[in-house]
């Protein structure tokens, strides 16, 4: 029911009780539950700037208000569990890295290629010294090339599309590209 004295309409809208805590660390503040007519009357008489000096009002109304404070995500000392973006060779790795124990390092030379790796690189048309970014770009280009939707519904290249998908799936998880 509406908290306004004498009103029997349902109280669907909340309005803060002035002079009481507004909410914060200890939980939400205290609120009146008002009907539509009484919440409109409350809002018409509510003055956010009541009791503020002219300088305080200006600081709240300026266009860049709030941008001058560092937030935790951008603070220099903010300890964030998310990885740094420049640690990744492929931006898509950043999404899954939060859930792995360590951040993937860029590929270093000297890791041996298996016969299956060489065969899959040949299917994708890549050299043995290709990196993860090149692998991803080539895969995306071949999927666009062989997909039936890009070929007017022609399903004759579907087998090659499946070979490209299988090759990429195996290579992206290969130690050579980790």
Protein backbone atom coordinates (compact mmCIF):
# COMPACT_ATOMS: atom_id res chain seq x y z
CA UNK A 1 0.00 0.00 0.00
CA UNK A 2 1.04 3.61 -0.56
CA UNK A 3 2.96 5.09 2.41
CA UNK A 4 1.21 8.45 2.01
CA UNK A 5 -1.28 8.95 4.87
CA UNK A 6 -4.85 8.23 3.83
CA UNK A 7 -3.99 6.65 0.46
CA UNK A 8 -5.18 3.10 -0.27
CA UNK A 9 -3.60 2.68 -3.73
CA UNK A 10 -0.80 0.15 -4.22
CA UNK A 11 2.68 1.55 -3.52
CA UNK A 12 4.61 0.58 -6.66
CA UNK A 13 7.27 3.29 -6.72
CA UNK A 14 9.97 3.92 -4.16
CA UNK A 15 11.18 7.31 -3.03
CA UNK A 16 14.04 7.94 -0.59
CA UNK A 17 13.18 9.02 2.91
CA UNK A 18 14.89 12.39 3.33
CA UNK A 19 17.18 12.64 6.31
CA UNK A 20 17.82 8.89 6.38
CA UNK A 21 20.66 6.86 4.99
CA UNK A 22 20.53 6.50 1.21
CA UNK A 23 22.24 3.15 0.97
CA UNK A 24 25.79 2.07 0.68
CA UNK A 25 27.99 -0.60 2.17
CA UNK A 26 25.45 -1.69 4.78
CA UNK A 27 22.68 -2.21 2.24
CA UNK A 28 19.96 -0.20 0.59
CA UNK A 29 18.64 2.90 2.26
CA UNK A 30 15.17 3.53 3.65
CA UNK A 31 12.42 4.27 1.14
CA UNK A 32 8.77 5.24 0.95
CA UNK A 33 6.62 3.10 -1.32
CA UNK A 34 4.23 5.45 -3.10
CA UNK A 35 1.48 5.28 -5.71
CA UNK A 36 1.97 7.03 -9.05
CA UNK A 37 0.23 10.27 -8.03
CA UNK A 38 2.15 10.60 -4.76
CA UNK A 39 5.54 9.72 -6.29
CA UNK A 40 4.93 12.43 -8.89
CA UNK A 41 4.19 14.91 -6.11
CA UNK A 42 7.32 13.75 -4.25
CA UNK A 43 9.49 14.19 -7.36
CA UNK A 44 8.05 17.66 -8.02
CA UNK A 45 9.07 18.77 -4.53
CA UNK A 46 12.44 16.98 -4.45
CA UNK A 47 15.50 19.21 -4.83
CA UNK A 48 18.81 17.37 -5.16
CA UNK A 49 20.76 20.60 -4.76
CA UNK A 50 18.98 21.72 -1.58
CA UNK A 51 21.57 22.85 0.96
CA UNK A 52 24.48 23.03 -1.51
CA UNK A 53 26.54 26.12 -2.15
CA UNK A 54 26.83 27.63 -5.62
CA UNK A 55 30.26 26.05 -6.15
CA UNK A 56 29.01 22.60 -5.10
CA UNK A 57 26.09 22.86 -7.52
CA UNK A 58 28.45 23.86 -10.34
CA UNK A 59 30.76 20.92 -9.61
CA UNK A 60 27.80 18.52 -9.86
CA UNK A 61 26.44 20.05 -13.08
CA UNK A 62 29.61 20.45 -15.13
CA UNK A 63 29.75 18.17 -18.18
CA UNK A 64 32.85 16.26 -17.10
CA UNK A 65 31.65 15.66 -13.55
CA UNK A 66 32.80 12.24 -12.41
CA UNK A 67 35.50 11.87 -15.06
CA UNK A 68 38.12 13.49 -12.85
CA UNK A 69 38.13 10.59 -10.39
CA UNK A 70 39.99 7.36 -11.09
CA UNK A 71 37.89 4.26 -10.96
CA UNK A 72 39.30 0.98 -9.74
CA UNK A 73 39.53 -0.51 -13.21
CA UNK A 74 41.69 2.37 -14.47
CA UNK A 75 43.59 3.27 -11.33
CA UNK A 76 47.34 2.81 -11.47
CA UNK A 77 47.29 0.91 -8.20
CA UNK A 78 44.09 -1.05 -8.85
CA UNK A 79 44.82 -4.74 -8.45
CA UNK A 80 42.78 -6.29 -11.20
CA UNK A 81 42.60 -10.06 -11.82
CA UNK A 82 42.18 -9.48 -15.54
CA UNK A 83 45.19 -9.94 -17.80
CA UNK A 84 46.95 -7.07 -19.56
CA UNK A 85 45.89 -6.73 -23.18
CA UNK A 86 49.40 -6.48 -24.60
CA UNK A 87 50.23 -9.97 -23.23
CA UNK A 88 48.12 -11.58 -25.98
CA UNK A 89 48.96 -12.31 -29.57
CA UNK A 90 45.28 -12.77 -30.44
CA UNK A 91 42.62 -10.57 -28.78
CA UNK A 92 40.24 -13.52 -28.63
CA UNK A 93 42.62 -15.28 -26.25
CA UNK A 94 41.99 -12.54 -23.71
CA UNK A 95 38.44 -13.73 -23.11
CA UNK A 96 39.43 -17.25 -22.07
CA UNK A 97 42.62 -16.23 -20.29
CA UNK A 98 40.72 -15.01 -17.25
CA UNK A 99 39.65 -18.59 -16.60
CA UNK A 100 43.06 -20.19 -17.17
CA UNK A 101 45.81 -20.34 -14.60
CA UNK A 102 48.40 -18.60 -16.77
CA UNK A 103 48.50 -16.21 -19.69
CA UNK A 104 49.54 -17.73 -23.00
CA UNK A 105 52.95 -16.61 -24.14
CA UNK A 106 53.70 -15.73 -27.76
CA UNK A 107 55.10 -18.57 -29.84
CA UNK A 108 58.84 -19.04 -29.63
CA UNK A 109 60.91 -20.62 -32.38
CA UNK A 110 62.25 -24.11 -31.87
CA UNK A 111 59.01 -25.92 -31.07
CA UNK A 112 58.79 -28.97 -33.27
CA UNK A 113 55.98 -29.34 -35.79
CA UNK A 114 54.30 -32.72 -35.94
CA UNK A 115 53.35 -34.29 -39.26
CA UNK A 116 49.72 -33.53 -38.48
CA UNK A 117 50.61 -29.87 -37.83
CA UNK A 118 52.41 -29.66 -41.19
CA UNK A 119 49.47 -31.28 -43.00
CA UNK A 120 46.99 -28.87 -41.38
CA UNK A 121 49.19 -25.87 -42.20
CA UNK A 122 49.23 -27.06 -45.81
CA UNK A 123 45.40 -27.31 -45.83
CA UNK A 124 45.24 -23.70 -44.61
CA UNK A 125 47.95 -22.60 -47.02
CA UNK A 126 50.32 -21.34 -44.32
CA UNK A 127 54.07 -21.56 -43.77
CA UNK A 128 55.70 -23.30 -40.82
CA UNK A 129 56.75 -19.93 -39.36
CA UNK A 130 53.19 -18.51 -39.22
CA UNK A 131 51.99 -17.04 -35.96
CA UNK A 132 48.63 -17.31 -34.17
CA UNK A 133 47.31 -14.04 -35.64
CA UNK A 134 48.06 -15.20 -39.19
CA UNK A 135 46.44 -18.56 -38.44
CA UNK A 136 43.24 -16.87 -37.24
CA UNK A 137 43.08 -14.48 -40.21
CA UNK A 138 43.67 -17.25 -42.76
CA UNK A 139 41.02 -19.42 -41.11
CA UNK A 140 38.46 -16.60 -41.24
CA UNK A 141 39.25 -15.93 -44.92
CA UNK A 142 38.91 -19.62 -45.89
CA UNK A 143 35.64 -20.02 -44.00
CA UNK A 144 34.25 -17.04 -45.90
CA UNK A 145 35.54 -18.50 -49.17
CA UNK A 146 34.15 -22.03 -48.76
CA UNK A 147 30.93 -21.41 -46.81
CA UNK A 148 27.77 -22.29 -48.81
CA UNK A 149 26.10 -19.01 -47.85
CA UNK A 150 28.87 -17.10 -49.63
CA UNK A 151 28.62 -19.34 -52.71
CA UNK A 152 24.94 -18.98 -53.49
CA UNK A 153 24.04 -22.18 -51.62
CA UNK A 154 26.54 -24.32 -53.57
CA UNK A 155 27.38 -27.21 -51.25
CA UNK A 156 30.16 -28.66 -53.42
CA UNK A 157 32.85 -26.96 -51.29
CA UNK A 158 31.39 -28.16 -48.00
CA UNK A 159 33.95 -30.96 -47.66
CA UNK A 160 36.82 -28.48 -47.99
CA UNK A 161 35.14 -26.20 -45.45
CA UNK A 162 35.04 -29.09 -42.98
CA UNK A 163 38.74 -29.82 -43.58
CA UNK A 164 39.58 -26.14 -42.92
CA UNK A 165 37.57 -26.15 -39.67
CA UNK A 166 39.20 -29.39 -38.49
CA UNK A 167 42.69 -28.10 -39.36
CA UNK A 168 42.16 -24.84 -37.50
CA UNK A 169 40.66 -26.60 -34.47
CA UNK A 170 43.70 -28.86 -34.20
CA UNK A 171 46.27 -26.10 -34.83
CA UNK A 172 44.87 -23.53 -32.41
CA UNK A 173 45.27 -26.03 -29.56
CA UNK A 174 48.67 -27.23 -30.76
CA UNK A 175 51.72 -26.38 -28.60
CA UNK A 176 53.26 -24.68 -31.63
CA UNK A 177 50.62 -21.94 -31.48
CA UNK A 178 50.19 -21.74 -27.71
